[in-house]
Amino acid sequence: MKPRSNFQDYLDQCTFPSKGELICAVSGGADSAALLILASETSSTVKAIHVNHGLRKEVSEEAKKVETLANKLNVDFEEIKIELVDGPNLEERGRDARYGVLPVEVLTGHTADDQAETILIHLMRGGSLDALSGMRPSGHPLLRLRRSDTEAICDRFGYQPIFDPSNKNPRFLRNRVRHEILPLMADIAQRDVAPLFVRAADLARDDRDLLDELASVIDPTDAKELNSAPLPLARRAIRQWLRNNHPPDLAAVERVLEVARGNSLGTEIAGGKRIRRSKGKLHLFEGISSEDEVSKTSD
């Protein structure tokens, strides 16, 4: 079945996989609902997964609303319940909890606006080229659409998106970037800056991929190889080794290089992890130990 022309103008800008089941993470907001609506317009089998965090009393009703949308679109629906409590680092813990229960091939409704926010957040964390590269289109089919587009898609379909009040809460870094930093940048630049970030991400991603390919031959656990490699490639090899949901910041990469050079026996990095050098090899450990304090002795 060919996509219906009602949404073809949006589908032309999307990067949905051409094969396999389309599994969509759907919170019920405009972005994820638009993702599901557009996915249902393709010829693929589609499934909506709603992750229930249990943080607000309205979540059960939200799950029902997403299920109703899925039924209207004639796609499969699954609700996954997780236990998440309020407290420090709620944004990061919530994201990690969601991705911990979602399949690896899940699609999300991130837009060009989300891309701009993500790049700024990662740059503020010291992510360098990884940060500027932003999110890859694979897994994020709507990166060419704007938030206004997803709202228009929902309106055209007759769906009233769920509003999450936490999206206005300034305690969360992304909200401050969204509601304060990006509008200020647009005001200063006298133009919409989100497309500039999207364009920069596309270019930076190509550069990053080339550097990653060149650095892939370097064993980041071998101190001799790291020390003999060109510095940019040595840094890339370490970044590849330590990369997870967030790229490691430059300070962490430089500390690992100091360990490889023999100027420190070990160092701590984000996420409660530590690096130690022994017999010319670098070892990654989980958790922090007093034995792994950075020292000025080398092996």
Protein backbone atom coordinates (compact mmCIF):
# COMPACT_ATOMS: atom_id res chain seq x y z
CA MET A 1 0.00 0.00 0.00
CA LYS A 2 1.39 3.40 -0.98
CA PRO A 3 1.38 6.25 1.54
CA ARG A 4 -1.77 8.34 1.43
CA SER A 5 -1.24 11.79 -0.08
CA ASN A 6 -2.72 13.45 3.01
CA PHE A 7 0.69 13.25 4.73
CA GLN A 8 3.01 12.75 1.77
CA ASP A 9 4.52 16.23 2.13
CA TYR A 10 5.74 15.26 5.59
CA LEU A 11 6.71 11.69 4.70
CA ASP A 12 9.01 12.98 1.97
CA GLN A 13 11.13 14.60 4.69
CA CYS A 14 11.26 11.51 6.91
CA THR A 15 13.80 8.68 7.06
CA PHE A 16 11.72 5.66 8.04
CA PRO A 17 13.46 2.30 7.55
CA SER A 18 12.43 0.68 4.28
CA LYS A 19 12.19 -2.83 5.76
CA GLY A 20 11.00 -4.50 8.90
CA GLU A 21 8.52 -3.64 11.63
CA LEU A 22 8.41 -0.01 12.71
CA ILE A 23 8.42 0.06 16.52
CA CYS A 24 7.58 3.54 17.76
CA ALA A 25 8.07 4.90 21.27
CA VAL A 26 4.90 6.89 21.90
CA SER A 27 4.40 9.06 24.97
CA GLY A 28 1.29 10.64 23.49
CA GLY A 29 2.79 14.08 22.96
CA ALA A 30 2.71 15.75 19.56
CA ASP A 31 6.10 14.50 18.38
CA SER A 32 5.63 10.82 19.21
CA ALA A 33 2.01 10.81 18.08
CA ALA A 34 3.05 12.31 14.74
CA LEU A 35 5.73 9.62 14.50
CA LEU A 36 3.10 6.92 14.90
CA ILE A 37 0.68 8.59 12.48
CA LEU A 38 3.35 8.90 9.79
CA ALA A 39 4.66 5.38 10.42
CA SER A 40 1.15 4.03 9.85
CA GLU A 41 1.15 5.72 6.44
CA THR A 42 3.99 3.50 5.25
CA SER A 43 3.68 -0.05 3.98
CA SER A 44 5.36 -1.51 7.06
CA THR A 45 3.93 -3.27 10.08
CA VAL A 46 3.79 -0.77 12.95
CA LYS A 47 3.76 -1.11 16.73
CA ALA A 48 3.38 1.58 19.40
CA ILE A 49 5.10 1.14 22.77
CA HIS A 50 4.10 3.42 25.62
CA VAL A 51 6.43 3.50 28.64
CA ASN A 52 4.52 4.28 31.83
CA HIS A 53 6.90 5.91 34.34
CA GLY A 54 4.29 6.10 37.08
CA LEU A 55 5.39 9.60 38.07
CA ARG A 56 2.04 11.34 37.64
CA LYS A 57 -1.50 10.28 38.45
CA GLU A 58 -2.53 11.01 34.87
CA VAL A 59 -0.26 8.36 33.34
CA SER A 60 -2.89 5.61 33.22
CA GLU A 61 -5.23 7.85 31.24
CA GLU A 62 -2.34 8.78 28.95
CA ALA A 63 -1.67 5.12 28.22
CA LYS A 64 -5.33 4.64 27.32
CA LYS A 65 -5.20 7.64 25.01
CA VAL A 66 -2.16 6.27 23.20
CA GLU A 67 -3.85 2.88 22.90
CA THR A 68 -6.93 4.57 21.42
CA LEU A 69 -4.72 6.33 18.87
CA ALA A 70 -3.02 3.04 17.99
CA ASN A 71 -6.39 1.35 17.54
CA LYS A 72 -7.58 4.19 15.32
CA LEU A 73 -4.46 3.75 13.18
CA ASN A 74 -4.91 -0.06 13.22
CA VAL A 75 -1.42 -0.68 14.65
CA ASP A 76 -0.28 -2.85 17.56
CA PHE A 77 0.03 -1.38 21.05
CA GLU A 78 2.04 -2.32 24.15
CA GLU A 79 2.33 -0.59 27.50
CA ILE A 80 5.47 -1.09 29.58
CA LYS A 81 5.39 -0.04 33.22
CA ILE A 82 8.52 0.98 35.07
CA GLU A 83 9.11 2.27 38.60
CA LEU A 84 10.74 5.69 38.59
CA VAL A 85 10.88 7.99 41.60
CA ASP A 86 11.37 11.73 41.57
CA GLY A 87 14.73 13.10 42.65
CA PRO A 88 18.12 14.19 41.30
CA ASN A 89 19.01 13.55 37.64
CA LEU A 90 15.40 12.64 36.84
CA GLU A 91 15.81 13.49 33.15
CA GLU A 92 18.79 11.23 32.68
CA ARG A 93 17.41 8.44 34.85
CA GLY A 94 14.09 8.56 32.99
CA ARG A 95 15.78 8.37 29.60
CA ASP A 96 18.03 5.50 30.69
CA ALA A 97 15.04 3.65 32.16
CA ARG A 98 13.04 4.06 28.93
CA TYR A 99 15.82 2.88 26.66
CA GLY A 100 16.50 0.05 29.08
CA VAL A 101 13.07 -1.48 28.37
CA LEU A 102 12.63 -0.44 24.72
CA PRO A 103 13.98 -2.60 21.88
CA VAL A 104 17.20 -1.41 20.26
CA GLU A 105 15.45 -0.80 16.94
CA VAL A 106 12.88 1.56 18.46
CA LEU A 107 12.05 4.78 16.62
CA THR A 108 11.55 8.07 18.44
CA GLY A 109 9.83 11.29 17.46
CA HIS A 110 12.78 13.66 17.86
CA THR A 111 12.53 16.68 15.58
CA ALA A 112 14.93 19.31 14.24
CA ASP A 113 14.16 21.36 17.35
CA ASP A 114 15.21 18.43 19.54
CA GLN A 115 18.37 18.09 17.46
CA ALA A 116 19.33 21.71 18.14
CA GLU A 117 18.65 21.28 21.86
CA THR A 118 20.64 18.06 22.03
CA ILE A 119 23.65 19.59 20.30
CA LEU A 120 23.72 22.53 22.70
CA ILE A 121 23.34 20.31 25.76
CA HIS A 122 26.14 18.00 24.65
CA LEU A 123 28.39 20.95 23.78
CA MET A 124 27.85 22.30 27.29
CA ARG A 125 28.97 18.92 28.58
CA GLY A 126 32.19 19.13 26.57
CA GLY A 127 31.24 16.64 23.87
CA SER A 128 33.17 18.41 21.09
CA LEU A 129 32.74 16.87 17.61
CA ASP A 130 30.51 14.11 18.97
CA ALA A 131 28.23 16.78 20.42
CA LEU A 132 28.09 18.78 17.21
CA SER A 133 27.23 15.61 15.26
CA GLY A 134 23.93 15.36 17.12
CA MET A 135 21.53 12.46 16.68
CA ARG A 136 21.67 10.19 13.66
CA PRO A 137 18.64 10.01 11.35
CA SER A 138 18.53 6.25 11.88
CA GLY A 139 16.21 5.73 14.81
CA HIS A 140 14.97 9.32 14.54
CA PRO A 141 12.94 9.54 11.30
CA LEU A 142 11.50 13.01 12.00
CA LEU A 143 14.75 14.96 12.34
CA ARG A 144 13.88 17.03 9.25
CA LEU A 145 10.52 18.06 10.68
CA ARG A 146 9.91 20.88 13.13
CA ARG A 147 7.88 20.73 16.31
CA SER A 148 5.27 22.89 14.56
CA ASP A 149 5.04 20.17 11.87
CA THR A 150 4.25 17.44 14.39
CA GLU A 151 1.57 19.62 15.93
CA ALA A 152 0.10 20.24 12.47
CA ILE A 153 0.10 16.49 11.72
CA CYS A 154 -1.81 15.77 14.93
CA ASP A 155 -4.26 18.55 14.14
CA ARG A 156 -4.79 17.27 10.61
CA PHE A 157 -5.41 13.77 11.95
CA GLY A 158 -7.77 15.03 14.66
CA TYR A 159 -5.63 13.98 17.61
CA GLN A 160 -5.22 16.19 20.68
CA PRO A 161 -1.66 15.63 21.99
CA ILE A 162 -0.98 14.93 25.64
CA PHE A 163 0.72 17.81 27.43
CA ASP A 164 3.39 16.86 29.94
CA PRO A 165 3.73 19.73 32.47
CA SER A 166 7.32 18.70 33.16
CA ASN A 167 8.20 20.08 29.72
CA LYS A 168 7.83 23.57 31.19
CA ASN A 169 9.73 22.89 34.41
CA PRO A 170 12.98 24.94 34.50
CA ARG A 171 14.64 22.38 36.81
CA PHE A 172 15.39 20.34 33.69
CA LEU A 173 18.33 21.46 31.55
CA ARG A 174 16.62 20.72 28.24
CA ASN A 175 13.70 22.97 29.14
CA ARG A 176 16.01 25.89 29.86
CA VAL A 177 17.78 25.33 26.54
CA ARG A 178 14.41 25.09 24.77
CA HIS A 179 12.68 28.06 26.38
CA GLU A 180 15.60 30.36 27.20
CA ILE A 181 18.82 29.72 25.27
CA LEU A 182 17.50 28.93 21.77
CA PRO A 183 14.99 31.82 21.74
CA LEU A 184 17.76 34.17 22.88
CA MET A 185 20.09 32.90 20.16
CA ALA A 186 17.37 33.37 17.56
CA ASP A 187 16.75 36.90 18.81
CA ILE A 188 20.45 37.79 18.66
CA ALA A 189 20.94 36.16 15.24
CA GLN A 190 17.66 37.59 13.96
CA ARG A 191 16.83 34.24 12.39
CA ASP A 192 15.66 30.73 13.23
CA VAL A 193 18.83 28.94 14.41
CA ALA A 194 17.53 25.36 14.61
CA PRO A 195 18.12 24.66 10.86
CA LEU A 196 21.69 25.92 11.27
CA PHE A 197 22.35 23.34 13.97
CA VAL A 198 20.78 20.59 11.86
CA ARG A 199 22.99 21.52 8.89
CA ALA A 200 26.10 21.70 11.06
CA ALA A 201 25.27 18.28 12.53
CA ASP A 202 25.07 16.70 9.06
CA LEU A 203 28.51 18.03 8.16
CA ALA A 204 30.10 17.23 11.52
CA ARG A 205 28.68 13.70 11.43
CA ASP A 206 30.49 12.97 8.16
CA ASP A 207 33.76 14.24 9.66
CA ARG A 208 33.21 12.23 12.83
CA ASP A 209 32.49 9.04 10.90
CA LEU A 210 35.71 9.42 8.89
CA LEU A 211 37.78 10.04 12.02
CA ASP A 212 36.11 7.10 13.74
CA GLU A 213 36.97 4.86 10.81
CA LEU A 214 40.61 5.98 10.88
CA ALA A 215 40.75 5.57 14.65
CA SER A 216 39.15 2.12 14.62
CA VAL A 217 42.52 0.46 13.96
CA ILE A 218 43.90 1.83 17.25
CA ASP A 219 43.51 -0.30 20.36
CA PRO A 220 42.44 2.24 23.02
CA THR A 221 43.56 -0.12 25.78
CA ASP A 222 47.13 -0.26 24.44
CA ALA A 223 49.16 2.61 25.89
CA LYS A 224 51.91 2.26 23.25
CA GLU A 225 49.43 2.48 20.37
CA LEU A 226 47.72 5.52 21.86
CA ASN A 227 51.03 7.31 22.38
CA SER A 228 52.28 6.60 18.85
CA ALA A 229 49.03 7.60 17.09
CA PRO A 230 48.32 11.16 15.92
CA LEU A 231 46.69 12.98 18.81
CA PRO A 232 43.30 13.56 17.08
CA LEU A 233 43.02 9.83 16.30
CA ALA A 234 44.14 8.83 19.80
CA ARG A 235 41.39 11.03 21.19
CA ARG A 236 38.85 9.48 18.80
CA ALA A 237 39.88 5.96 19.82
CA ILE A 238 39.34 6.82 23.48
CA ARG A 239 36.00 8.47 22.71
CA GLN A 240 34.86 5.37 20.85
CA TRP A 241 35.87 3.25 23.81
CA LEU A 242 34.11 5.38 26.42
CA ARG A 243 31.10 6.57 24.40
CA ASN A 244 27.66 5.69 25.78
CA ASN A 245 24.49 7.80 25.88
CA HIS A 246 26.69 10.88 26.17
CA PRO A 247 30.07 11.42 24.54
CA PRO A 248 32.89 11.76 27.09
CA ASP A 249 34.07 15.31 27.66
CA LEU A 250 37.52 16.50 26.62
CA ALA A 251 38.78 16.61 30.21
CA ALA A 252 38.01 12.91 30.67
CA VAL A 253 39.71 12.02 27.38
CA GLU A 254 42.80 14.03 28.34
CA ARG A 255 42.98 12.33 31.75
CA VAL A 256 42.90 8.92 30.06
CA LEU A 257 45.70 10.06 27.75
CA GLU A 258 47.72 11.05 30.82
CA VAL A 259 47.25 7.51 32.13
CA ALA A 260 48.37 6.11 28.76
CA ARG A 261 51.47 8.35 28.88
CA GLY A 262 52.36 7.04 32.29
CA ASN A 263 51.88 10.37 34.05
CA SER A 264 49.04 8.91 36.15
CA LEU A 265 48.35 5.39 37.30
CA GLY A 266 44.59 5.81 37.02
CA THR A 267 41.71 8.24 36.74
CA GLU A 268 37.99 8.50 37.31
CA ILE A 269 35.50 9.23 34.54
CA ALA A 270 31.78 9.94 34.48
CA GLY A 271 29.29 7.28 35.46
CA GLY A 272 31.25 5.91 38.41
CA LYS A 273 33.86 4.32 36.14
CA ARG A 274 37.63 4.33 36.45
CA ILE A 275 40.62 3.68 34.24
CA ARG A 276 43.82 2.02 35.47
CA ARG A 277 47.05 1.22 33.68
CA SER A 278 48.88 -2.02 34.27
CA LYS A 279 51.75 -3.48 32.23
CA GLY A 280 51.11 -1.12 29.33
CA LYS A 281 47.39 -1.83 29.19
CA LEU A 282 44.44 0.39 30.18
CA HIS A 283 41.61 -1.29 32.06
CA LEU A 284 38.07 0.01 32.56
CA PHE A 285 36.35 -0.72 35.88
CA GLU A 286 32.87 0.03 37.21
CA GLY A 287 32.61 1.83 40.54
CA ILE A 288 35.07 4.03 42.38
CA SER A 289 37.86 2.72 44.57
CA SER A 290 40.21 4.70 46.77
CA GLU A 291 43.03 2.63 45.29
CA ASP A 292 42.42 4.26 41.94
CA GLU A 293 43.06 7.86 42.91
CA VAL A 294 45.16 9.61 40.29
CA SER A 295 48.82 9.35 41.22
CA LYS A 296 51.97 10.80 39.80
CA THR A 297 53.67 7.46 39.45
CA SER A 298 53.81 5.50 36.23
CA ASP A 299 54.17 1.82 35.65
